[in-house]
Protein backbone atom coordinates (compact mmCIF):
# COMPACT_ATOMS: atom_id res chain seq x y z
CA MET A 1 22.66 -28.92 27.58
CA LYS A 2 19.65 -28.06 25.45
CA SER A 3 17.22 -29.39 28.07
CA ILE A 4 18.86 -27.20 30.74
CA LEU A 5 18.34 -24.11 28.57
CA ILE A 6 14.73 -25.09 27.90
CA GLY A 7 14.20 -25.59 31.64
CA LEU A 8 15.68 -22.17 32.41
CA GLY A 9 13.52 -20.56 29.73
CA VAL A 10 10.36 -22.17 31.10
CA GLY A 11 11.33 -21.15 34.64
CA LEU A 12 11.86 -17.54 33.58
CA VAL A 13 8.52 -17.44 31.78
CA ILE A 14 6.74 -18.81 34.87
CA ILE A 15 8.51 -16.34 37.20
CA ILE A 16 7.83 -13.34 34.93
CA GLY A 17 4.23 -14.47 34.39
CA GLY A 18 3.70 -14.78 38.14
CA PHE A 19 5.25 -11.37 38.71
CA ILE A 20 2.95 -9.76 36.12
CA ALA A 21 -0.06 -11.52 37.66
CA LEU A 22 0.91 -10.24 41.13
CA LEU A 23 1.33 -6.70 39.79
CA GLY A 24 -2.06 -6.91 38.07
CA MET A 25 -3.75 -8.12 41.27
CA ALA A 26 -2.02 -5.45 43.38
CA ASP A 27 -3.08 -2.82 40.84
CA ALA A 28 -6.71 -3.95 40.93
CA ASN A 29 -6.81 -3.94 44.75
CA ALA A 30 -4.86 -0.70 45.25
CA PRO A 31 -6.90 2.18 46.67
CA ALA A 32 -7.08 5.41 44.69
CA PRO A 33 -4.19 7.84 45.36
CA GLU A 34 -6.64 10.30 46.97
CA GLU A 35 -7.67 7.67 49.53
CA VAL A 36 -4.03 6.96 50.36
CA ARG A 37 -3.34 10.68 50.83
CA VAL A 38 -6.29 11.07 53.21
CA GLU A 39 -5.09 8.11 55.30
CA VAL A 40 -1.52 9.45 55.42
CA THR A 41 -2.60 12.97 56.48
CA ASP A 42 -4.95 11.49 59.12
CA ALA A 43 -2.06 9.42 60.49
CA LEU A 44 0.23 12.47 60.58
CA LEU A 45 -2.40 14.63 62.33
CA ASP A 46 -2.84 12.01 65.07
């Protein structure tokens, strides 16, 4: 039973760690809000 709990704990840590890493990467690659707004207004005007 203890090994199952340890396995679940390790799994959760890996999943949460991966999620945080993905968020960090997405944050670093995200364009500035101003750039997004310009692209959206350009798309709407077309």
